[in-house]
Amino acid sequence: MDKYKAVCFDLDGTVYRGKEAIPEAVELIATLSSRGTLPYYVTNNSSMTTGQLKAKLATLGIQAQEDHIMTSAIAAAAYCKDHFDGASVMMIGEEGLRTALVEQGFSLTDRNPDIVVMGIDRDSTYAKLAEACLAIRAGAAFVATNGDKAFPTERGLVPGNGSFVKLMEYATGVIPVIVGKPEPHMLHFIQQQGGYQKDEMVMIGDNYETDIEAGLRFGIDTIHVEGGVTSREAVLTAERQPTYLFSKLTDWNK
């Protein structure tokens, strides 16, 4: 444990499920903090701002630094800034994505955008999806915060942003640029921010296709924890294995 200076936790399914904390994760985070390692939180959930996520973590007994929270909304806005600076944006998403785009200086529009940026939107309507479809067919670039098919809640797995992205792909024939995990953009931003070496970083998550793949693609150690999206049995069939495979996060202390 002591070799890592940047311990990166996925949130949904790893630290909490919906509004319920995962006790072993809270215990591990407390252990790391007591040793002077302040964890990073790396989430594909684009719906919340870093301030909102900090407040949610606080209700679960976790004191997080806002600059140690990296969301796919922040990564998507940064990607658009790098590649489409000054463009107009049609957004499908919630407050986290809206805030990230506005903070990067983008103007948001409902008609004739240069880019369509798609994050989870639990108030999405057919009309909104239709407008985005028409914009993409008219030539707008298509960027998605993440491709998660589902995400865990206290009631079980529910549709994720990737399910809606696939709908848009099918309707438009256009494959979007996906910025969140398993793409390594967020881990790269953390490395730059802290000046870490890759062997000082580890990515922890429950979803092999996003969390573990992101770490593998970035070239850092990974920890898969059971109980979330990907079962242990499914992970063991993968061609590339995580560095560690735990039934619960407190196993790391043993």
C-alpha atoms as a PDB file:
ATOM      1  CA  MET A   1       0.000   0.000   0.000  1.00  0.00           C
ATOM      2  CA  ASP A   2       2.801   2.426   0.872  1.00  0.00           C
ATOM      3  CA  LYS A   3       4.254   2.395  -2.676  1.00  0.00           C
ATOM      4  CA  TYR A   4       1.292   4.354  -4.083  1.00  0.00           C
ATOM      5  CA  LYS A   5       1.066   8.133  -3.894  1.00  0.00           C
ATOM      6  CA  ALA A   6      -2.044   8.429  -6.083  1.00  0.00           C
ATOM      7  CA  VAL A   7      -4.749   5.925  -5.116  1.00  0.00           C
ATOM      8  CA  CYS A   8      -7.641   6.459  -7.539  1.00  0.00           C
ATOM      9  CA  PHE A   9     -11.078   5.197  -6.542  1.00  0.00           C
ATOM     10  CA  ASP A  10     -14.042   4.718  -8.821  1.00  0.00           C
ATOM     11  CA  LEU A  11     -17.205   5.945  -7.031  1.00  0.00           C
ATOM     12  CA  ASP A  12     -20.407   4.220  -8.236  1.00  0.00           C
ATOM     13  CA  GLY A  13     -20.149   0.577  -7.186  1.00  0.00           C
ATOM     14  CA  THR A  14     -16.777   0.954  -5.459  1.00  0.00           C
ATOM     15  CA  VAL A  15     -17.201   3.653  -2.785  1.00  0.00           C
ATOM     16  CA  TYR A  16     -21.006   3.726  -2.756  1.00  0.00           C
ATOM     17  CA  ARG A  17     -24.118   2.317  -4.372  1.00  0.00           C
ATOM     18  CA  GLY A  18     -26.655   5.072  -4.859  1.00  0.00           C
ATOM     19  CA  LYS A  19     -27.003   6.737  -1.459  1.00  0.00           C
ATOM     20  CA  GLU A  20     -25.438   3.867   0.485  1.00  0.00           C
ATOM     21  CA  ALA A  21     -21.748   3.780   1.388  1.00  0.00           C
ATOM     22  CA  ILE A  22     -19.733   0.589   0.928  1.00  0.00           C
ATOM     23  CA  PRO A  23     -18.256   0.206   4.440  1.00  0.00           C
ATOM     24  CA  GLU A  24     -15.027  -1.496   3.345  1.00  0.00           C
ATOM     25  CA  ALA A  25     -14.253   1.378   0.980  1.00  0.00           C
ATOM     26  CA  VAL A  26     -14.874   3.968   3.699  1.00  0.00           C
ATOM     27  CA  GLU A  27     -12.562   2.005   6.015  1.00  0.00           C
ATOM     28  CA  LEU A  28      -9.798   1.783   3.403  1.00  0.00           C
ATOM     29  CA  ILE A  29     -10.047   5.499   2.596  1.00  0.00           C
ATOM     30  CA  ALA A  30      -9.731   6.291   6.317  1.00  0.00           C
ATOM     31  CA  THR A  31      -6.653   4.023   6.542  1.00  0.00           C
ATOM     32  CA  LEU A  32      -5.016   5.701   3.560  1.00  0.00           C
ATOM     33  CA  SER A  33      -5.774   9.175   4.921  1.00  0.00           C
ATOM     34  CA  SER A  34      -4.281   8.260   8.300  1.00  0.00           C
ATOM     35  CA  ARG A  35      -1.061   7.336   6.462  1.00  0.00           C
ATOM     36  CA  GLY A  36      -1.004  10.690   4.689  1.00  0.00           C
ATOM     37  CA  THR A  37      -2.335   9.498   1.312  1.00  0.00           C
ATOM     38  CA  LEU A  38      -5.329  11.573   0.191  1.00  0.00           C
ATOM     39  CA  PRO A  39      -7.186   9.475  -2.402  1.00  0.00           C
ATOM     40  CA  TYR A  40      -8.425  10.639  -5.778  1.00  0.00           C
ATOM     41  CA  TYR A  41     -11.963   9.923  -6.923  1.00  0.00           C
ATOM     42  CA  VAL A  42     -12.351   9.140 -10.616  1.00  0.00           C
ATOM     43  CA  THR A  43     -15.922   8.786 -11.809  1.00  0.00           C
ATOM     44  CA  ASN A  44     -17.652   8.365 -15.151  1.00  0.00           C
ATOM     45  CA  ASN A  45     -20.769   9.901 -13.613  1.00  0.00           C
ATOM     46  CA  SER A  46     -21.091  13.317 -15.264  1.00  0.00           C
ATOM     47  CA  SER A  47     -24.290  14.398 -13.503  1.00  0.00           C
ATOM     48  CA  MET A  48     -22.765  16.031 -10.405  1.00  0.00           C
ATOM     49  CA  THR A  49     -20.304  18.875  -9.867  1.00  0.00           C
ATOM     50  CA  THR A  50     -17.161  18.312  -7.817  1.00  0.00           C
ATOM     51  CA  GLY A  51     -18.765  20.364  -5.033  1.00  0.00           C
ATOM     52  CA  GLN A  52     -21.846  18.158  -5.027  1.00  0.00           C
ATOM     53  CA  LEU A  53     -19.722  15.008  -4.994  1.00  0.00           C
ATOM     54  CA  LYS A  54     -17.630  16.362  -2.131  1.00  0.00           C
ATOM     55  CA  ALA A  55     -20.829  17.014  -0.154  1.00  0.00           C
ATOM     56  CA  LYS A  56     -22.178  13.531  -0.943  1.00  0.00           C
ATOM     57  CA  LEU A  57     -18.937  11.897   0.172  1.00  0.00           C
ATOM     58  CA  ALA A  58     -19.047  13.932   3.391  1.00  0.00           C
ATOM     59  CA  THR A  59     -22.494  12.477   4.211  1.00  0.00           C
ATOM     60  CA  LEU A  60     -20.883   9.028   3.939  1.00  0.00           C
ATOM     61  CA  GLY A  61     -18.076   9.944   6.327  1.00  0.00           C
ATOM     62  CA  ILE A  62     -15.447  10.677   3.662  1.00  0.00           C
ATOM     63  CA  GLN A  63     -13.671  14.038   3.653  1.00  0.00           C
ATOM     64  CA  ALA A  64     -12.522  14.576   0.077  1.00  0.00           C
ATOM     65  CA  GLN A  65     -10.615  17.460  -1.455  1.00  0.00           C
ATOM     66  CA  GLU A  66     -12.504  18.988  -4.353  1.00  0.00           C
ATOM     67  CA  ASP A  67      -9.368  19.086  -6.512  1.00  0.00           C
ATOM     68  CA  HIS A  68      -9.004  15.323  -5.948  1.00  0.00           C
ATOM     69  CA  ILE A  69     -12.352  14.624  -7.644  1.00  0.00           C
ATOM     70  CA  MET A  70     -12.142  13.948 -11.379  1.00  0.00           C
ATOM     71  CA  THR A  71     -15.380  13.447 -13.315  1.00  0.00           C
ATOM     72  CA  SER A  72     -16.037  12.524 -16.924  1.00  0.00           C
ATOM     73  CA  ALA A  73     -17.795  15.897 -17.260  1.00  0.00           C
ATOM     74  CA  ILE A  74     -14.577  17.742 -16.377  1.00  0.00           C
ATOM     75  CA  ALA A  75     -12.596  15.519 -18.743  1.00  0.00           C
ATOM     76  CA  ALA A  76     -15.108  16.000 -21.580  1.00  0.00           C
ATOM     77  CA  ALA A  77     -15.095  19.778 -21.175  1.00  0.00           C
ATOM     78  CA  ALA A  78     -11.288  19.804 -21.135  1.00  0.00           C
ATOM     79  CA  TYR A  79     -11.212  17.612 -24.260  1.00  0.00           C
ATOM     80  CA  CYS A  80     -13.599  19.982 -26.049  1.00  0.00           C
ATOM     81  CA  LYS A  81     -11.485  22.959 -24.977  1.00  0.00           C
ATOM     82  CA  ASP A  82      -8.399  21.332 -26.485  1.00  0.00           C
ATOM     83  CA  HIS A  83     -10.075  20.306 -29.751  1.00  0.00           C
ATOM     84  CA  PHE A  84     -13.043  22.662 -30.290  1.00  0.00           C
ATOM     85  CA  ASP A  85     -12.213  25.883 -28.460  1.00  0.00           C
ATOM     86  CA  GLY A  86     -14.823  28.565 -29.203  1.00  0.00           C
ATOM     87  CA  ALA A  87     -17.400  26.105 -30.557  1.00  0.00           C
ATOM     88  CA  SER A  88     -21.085  26.146 -29.653  1.00  0.00           C
ATOM     89  CA  VAL A  89     -22.314  23.095 -27.727  1.00  0.00           C
ATOM     90  CA  MET A  90     -25.615  21.247 -27.542  1.00  0.00           C
ATOM     91  CA  MET A  91     -25.561  19.410 -24.231  1.00  0.00           C
ATOM     92  CA  ILE A  92     -27.492  16.360 -23.151  1.00  0.00           C
ATOM     93  CA  GLY A  93     -26.679  16.051 -19.480  1.00  0.00           C
ATOM     94  CA  GLU A  94     -27.140  17.367 -15.972  1.00  0.00           C
ATOM     95  CA  GLU A  95     -25.621  20.013 -13.718  1.00  0.00           C
ATOM     96  CA  GLY A  96     -22.151  18.501 -13.537  1.00  0.00           C
ATOM     97  CA  LEU A  97     -21.672  18.599 -17.295  1.00  0.00           C
ATOM     98  CA  ARG A  98     -23.284  22.026 -17.666  1.00  0.00           C
ATOM     99  CA  THR A  99     -20.977  23.528 -15.032  1.00  0.00           C
ATOM    100  CA  ALA A 100     -17.861  21.939 -16.533  1.00  0.00           C
ATOM    101  CA  LEU A 101     -18.651  23.214 -20.037  1.00  0.00           C
ATOM    102  CA  VAL A 102     -19.491  26.739 -18.874  1.00  0.00           C
ATOM    103  CA  GLU A 103     -16.313  26.897 -16.773  1.00  0.00           C
ATOM    104  CA  GLN A 104     -14.343  26.089 -19.943  1.00  0.00           C
ATOM    105  CA  GLY A 105     -16.010  29.041 -21.679  1.00  0.00           C
ATOM    106  CA  PHE A 106     -18.461  27.219 -23.956  1.00  0.00           C
ATOM    107  CA  SER A 107     -21.791  28.701 -24.995  1.00  0.00           C
ATOM    108  CA  LEU A 108     -24.686  26.246 -24.866  1.00  0.00           C
ATOM    109  CA  THR A 109     -27.371  26.136 -27.526  1.00  0.00           C
ATOM    110  CA  ASP A 110     -30.465  24.115 -28.449  1.00  0.00           C
ATOM    111  CA  ARG A 111     -30.093  24.621 -32.209  1.00  0.00           C
ATOM    112  CA  ASN A 112     -27.369  24.230 -34.853  1.00  0.00           C
ATOM    113  CA  PRO A 113     -24.408  23.427 -32.567  1.00  0.00           C
ATOM    114  CA  ASP A 114     -20.841  22.722 -33.566  1.00  0.00           C
ATOM    115  CA  ILE A 115     -20.655  19.865 -31.035  1.00  0.00           C
ATOM    116  CA  VAL A 116     -23.121  17.574 -29.281  1.00  0.00           C
ATOM    117  CA  VAL A 117     -21.800  16.531 -25.856  1.00  0.00           C
ATOM    118  CA  MET A 118     -23.727  13.691 -24.254  1.00  0.00           C
ATOM    119  CA  GLY A 119     -23.730  12.749 -20.584  1.00  0.00           C
ATOM    120  CA  ILE A 120     -26.283  10.976 -18.419  1.00  0.00           C
ATOM    121  CA  ASP A 121     -29.584  12.884 -18.416  1.00  0.00           C
ATOM    122  CA  ARG A 122     -32.307  11.354 -16.283  1.00  0.00           C
ATOM    123  CA  ASP A 123     -34.798  13.936 -17.551  1.00  0.00           C
ATOM    124  CA  SER A 124     -34.036  13.264 -21.203  1.00  0.00           C
ATOM    125  CA  THR A 125     -36.955  13.271 -23.645  1.00  0.00           C
ATOM    126  CA  TYR A 126     -37.511  11.970 -27.141  1.00  0.00           C
ATOM    127  CA  ALA A 127     -37.576  15.568 -28.391  1.00  0.00           C
ATOM    128  CA  LYS A 128     -34.158  16.310 -26.879  1.00  0.00           C
ATOM    129  CA  LEU A 129     -32.618  13.168 -28.341  1.00  0.00           C
ATOM    130  CA  ALA A 130     -34.200  13.920 -31.705  1.00  0.00           C
ATOM    131  CA  GLU A 131     -32.672  17.429 -31.799  1.00  0.00           C
ATOM    132  CA  ALA A 132     -29.252  15.992 -30.961  1.00  0.00           C
ATOM    133  CA  CYS A 133     -29.668  13.346 -33.651  1.00  0.00           C
ATOM    134  CA  LEU A 134     -30.530  15.977 -36.254  1.00  0.00           C
ATOM    135  CA  ALA A 135     -27.548  18.113 -35.214  1.00  0.00           C
ATOM    136  CA  ILE A 136     -25.118  15.197 -35.542  1.00  0.00           C
ATOM    137  CA  ARG A 137     -26.575  14.245 -38.920  1.00  0.00           C
ATOM    138  CA  ALA A 138     -26.071  17.878 -39.986  1.00  0.00           C
ATOM    139  CA  GLY A 139     -22.367  17.636 -39.195  1.00  0.00           C
ATOM    140  CA  ALA A 140     -21.948  18.447 -35.491  1.00  0.00           C
ATOM    141  CA  ALA A 141     -19.107  16.614 -33.747  1.00  0.00           C
ATOM    142  CA  PHE A 142     -20.268  13.971 -31.254  1.00  0.00           C
ATOM    143  CA  VAL A 143     -18.553  13.666 -27.856  1.00  0.00           C
ATOM    144  CA  ALA A 144     -19.729  11.420 -24.993  1.00  0.00           C
ATOM    145  CA  THR A 145     -18.653  11.668 -21.377  1.00  0.00           C
ATOM    146  CA  ASN A 146     -18.603   7.876 -21.054  1.00  0.00           C
ATOM    147  CA  GLY A 147     -19.891   4.641 -22.514  1.00  0.00           C
ATOM    148  CA  ASP A 148     -21.076   2.886 -19.345  1.00  0.00           C
ATOM    149  CA  LYS A 149     -23.905   0.500 -20.234  1.00  0.00           C
ATOM    150  CA  ALA A 150     -25.188   0.461 -16.655  1.00  0.00           C
ATOM    151  CA  PHE A 151     -24.311   1.769 -13.220  1.00  0.00           C
ATOM    152  CA  PRO A 152     -25.001   0.360  -9.757  1.00  0.00           C
ATOM    153  CA  THR A 153     -27.578   1.843  -7.380  1.00  0.00           C
ATOM    154  CA  GLU A 154     -28.877   0.616  -4.045  1.00  0.00           C
ATOM    155  CA  ARG A 155     -31.694  -1.075  -6.029  1.00  0.00           C
ATOM    156  CA  GLY A 156     -29.430  -2.725  -8.605  1.00  0.00           C
ATOM    157  CA  LEU A 157     -28.031  -1.920 -12.057  1.00  0.00           C
ATOM    158  CA  VAL A 158     -29.813   0.781 -14.079  1.00  0.00           C
ATOM    159  CA  PRO A 159     -29.140   2.165 -17.607  1.00  0.00           C
ATOM    160  CA  GLY A 160     -25.972   4.229 -17.902  1.00  0.00           C
ATOM    161  CA  ASN A 161     -24.976   6.906 -20.373  1.00  0.00           C
ATOM    162  CA  GLY A 162     -23.553   4.319 -22.748  1.00  0.00           C
ATOM    163  CA  SER A 163     -27.004   2.852 -23.320  1.00  0.00           C
ATOM    164  CA  PHE A 164     -28.213   6.223 -24.596  1.00  0.00           C
ATOM    165  CA  VAL A 165     -25.011   6.776 -26.569  1.00  0.00           C
ATOM    166  CA  LYS A 166     -25.628   3.479 -28.387  1.00  0.00           C
ATOM    167  CA  LEU A 167     -29.134   4.678 -29.237  1.00  0.00           C
ATOM    168  CA  MET A 168     -27.648   7.843 -30.769  1.00  0.00           C
ATOM    169  CA  GLU A 169     -25.007   5.836 -32.639  1.00  0.00           C
ATOM    170  CA  TYR A 170     -27.720   3.632 -34.096  1.00  0.00           C
ATOM    171  CA  ALA A 171     -29.853   6.636 -35.064  1.00  0.00           C
ATOM    172  CA  THR A 172     -27.059   8.695 -36.631  1.00  0.00           C
ATOM    173  CA  GLY A 173     -24.480   6.177 -37.836  1.00  0.00           C
ATOM    174  CA  VAL A 174     -21.826   8.285 -36.054  1.00  0.00           C
ATOM    175  CA  ILE A 175     -19.513   6.850 -33.387  1.00  0.00           C
ATOM    176  CA  PRO A 176     -18.693   9.451 -30.727  1.00  0.00           C
ATOM    177  CA  VAL A 177     -15.403  10.305 -29.101  1.00  0.00           C
ATOM    178  CA  ILE A 178     -15.707   8.835 -25.601  1.00  0.00           C
ATOM    179  CA  VAL A 179     -13.666  10.689 -22.991  1.00  0.00           C
ATOM    180  CA  GLY A 180     -14.358   8.812 -19.740  1.00  0.00           C
ATOM    181  CA  LYS A 181     -13.063   5.427 -18.631  1.00  0.00           C
ATOM    182  CA  PRO A 182     -11.842   3.133 -20.196  1.00  0.00           C
ATOM    183  CA  GLU A 183     -10.076   5.965 -22.005  1.00  0.00           C
ATOM    184  CA  PRO A 184      -7.143   7.116 -19.836  1.00  0.00           C
ATOM    185  CA  HIS A 185      -7.754  10.893 -20.068  1.00  0.00           C
ATOM    186  CA  MET A 186      -8.771  11.350 -16.418  1.00  0.00           C
ATOM    187  CA  LEU A 187      -5.805   9.374 -15.100  1.00  0.00           C
ATOM    188  CA  HIS A 188      -3.504  11.407 -17.322  1.00  0.00           C
ATOM    189  CA  PHE A 189      -4.930  14.651 -15.883  1.00  0.00           C
ATOM    190  CA  ILE A 190      -4.294  13.337 -12.348  1.00  0.00           C
ATOM    191  CA  GLN A 191      -0.723  12.381 -13.234  1.00  0.00           C
ATOM    192  CA  GLN A 192      -0.109  15.866 -14.625  1.00  0.00           C
ATOM    193  CA  GLN A 193      -1.730  17.540 -11.631  1.00  0.00           C
ATOM    194  CA  GLY A 194       0.338  15.687  -9.050  1.00  0.00           C
ATOM    195  CA  GLY A 195       3.513  15.057 -11.010  1.00  0.00           C
ATOM    196  CA  TYR A 196       3.337  11.317 -10.290  1.00  0.00           C
ATOM    197  CA  GLN A 197       5.270   8.480 -11.872  1.00  0.00           C
ATOM    198  CA  LYS A 198       3.037   5.734 -13.247  1.00  0.00           C
ATOM    199  CA  ASP A 199       4.391   3.188 -10.777  1.00  0.00           C
ATOM    200  CA  GLU A 200       3.138   5.469  -7.982  1.00  0.00           C
ATOM    201  CA  MET A 201      -0.481   5.244  -9.184  1.00  0.00           C
ATOM    202  CA  VAL A 202      -3.198   2.600  -8.807  1.00  0.00           C
ATOM    203  CA  MET A 203      -6.772   2.502 -10.114  1.00  0.00           C
ATOM    204  CA  ILE A 204      -9.464   0.779  -8.005  1.00  0.00           C
ATOM    205  CA  GLY A 205     -12.869  -0.207  -9.357  1.00  0.00           C
ATOM    206  CA  ASP A 206     -15.668  -2.738  -9.704  1.00  0.00           C
ATOM    207  CA  ASN A 207     -16.124  -2.490 -13.479  1.00  0.00           C
ATOM    208  CA  TYR A 208     -13.508  -4.310 -15.547  1.00  0.00           C
ATOM    209  CA  GLU A 209     -14.571  -2.718 -18.845  1.00  0.00           C
ATOM    210  CA  THR A 210     -14.149   0.840 -17.541  1.00  0.00           C
ATOM    211  CA  ASP A 211     -12.105   1.118 -14.328  1.00  0.00           C
ATOM    212  CA  ILE A 212      -9.632  -1.703 -14.865  1.00  0.00           C
ATOM    213  CA  GLU A 213      -9.310  -1.130 -18.610  1.00  0.00           C
ATOM    214  CA  ALA A 214      -8.556   2.552 -17.971  1.00  0.00           C
ATOM    215  CA  GLY A 215      -5.693   1.620 -15.652  1.00  0.00           C
ATOM    216  CA  LEU A 216      -4.396  -1.034 -18.029  1.00  0.00           C
ATOM    217  CA  ARG A 217      -4.466   1.354 -20.987  1.00  0.00           C
ATOM    218  CA  PHE A 218      -2.698   4.054 -18.984  1.00  0.00           C
ATOM    219  CA  GLY A 219      -0.079   1.591 -17.765  1.00  0.00           C
ATOM    220  CA  ILE A 220      -0.645   1.700 -14.008  1.00  0.00           C
ATOM    221  CA  ASP A 221      -1.503  -0.939 -11.392  1.00  0.00           C
ATOM    222  CA  THR A 222      -5.146  -1.867 -10.916  1.00  0.00           C
ATOM    223  CA  ILE A 223      -7.372  -3.360  -8.232  1.00  0.00           C
ATOM    224  CA  HIS A 224     -10.676  -5.034  -9.069  1.00  0.00           C
ATOM    225  CA  VAL A 225     -13.143  -5.339  -6.193  1.00  0.00           C
ATOM    226  CA  GLU A 226     -16.112  -7.688  -6.292  1.00  0.00           C
ATOM    227  CA  GLY A 227     -19.729  -6.750  -5.696  1.00  0.00           C
ATOM    228  CA  GLY A 228     -20.265  -4.261  -8.487  1.00  0.00           C
ATOM    229  CA  VAL A 229     -20.667  -4.439 -12.252  1.00  0.00           C
ATOM    230  CA  THR A 230     -18.166  -7.182 -13.188  1.00  0.00           C
ATOM    231  CA  SER A 231     -18.091 -10.506 -11.355  1.00  0.00           C
ATOM    232  CA  ARG A 232     -14.856 -12.170 -10.267  1.00  0.00           C
ATOM    233  CA  GLU A 233     -15.612 -15.049 -12.643  1.00  0.00           C
ATOM    234  CA  ALA A 234     -15.885 -12.661 -15.605  1.00  0.00           C
ATOM    235  CA  VAL A 235     -12.645 -10.884 -14.669  1.00  0.00           C
ATOM    236  CA  LEU A 236     -10.770 -14.181 -14.510  1.00  0.00           C
ATOM    237  CA  THR A 237     -11.683 -14.877 -18.142  1.00  0.00           C
ATOM    238  CA  ALA A 238     -10.203 -11.564 -19.351  1.00  0.00           C
ATOM    239  CA  GLU A 239      -7.017 -11.640 -21.417  1.00  0.00           C
ATOM    240  CA  ARG A 240      -5.368  -8.921 -19.293  1.00  0.00           C
ATOM    241  CA  GLN A 241      -5.690  -9.335 -15.551  1.00  0.00           C
ATOM    242  CA  PRO A 242      -5.767  -6.622 -12.867  1.00  0.00           C
ATOM    243  CA  THR A 243      -2.752  -6.375 -10.580  1.00  0.00           C
ATOM    244  CA  TYR A 244      -4.921  -7.369  -7.601  1.00  0.00           C
ATOM    245  CA  LEU A 245      -8.334  -9.002  -7.347  1.00  0.00           C
ATOM    246  CA  PHE A 246     -10.092  -8.553  -3.989  1.00  0.00           C
ATOM    247  CA  SER A 247     -13.453  -9.729  -2.705  1.00  0.00           C
ATOM    248  CA  LYS A 248     -13.587  -6.578  -0.551  1.00  0.00           C
ATOM    249  CA  LEU A 249     -11.267  -3.587  -0.243  1.00  0.00           C
ATOM    250  CA  THR A 250     -10.279  -4.279   3.341  1.00  0.00           C
ATOM    251  CA  ASP A 251      -8.439  -7.343   1.977  1.00  0.00           C
ATOM    252  CA  TRP A 252      -5.720  -4.879   0.922  1.00  0.00           C
ATOM    253  CA  ASN A 253      -4.713  -4.517   4.562  1.00  0.00           C
ATOM    254  CA  LYS A 254      -4.158  -8.229   5.034  1.00  0.00           C
END
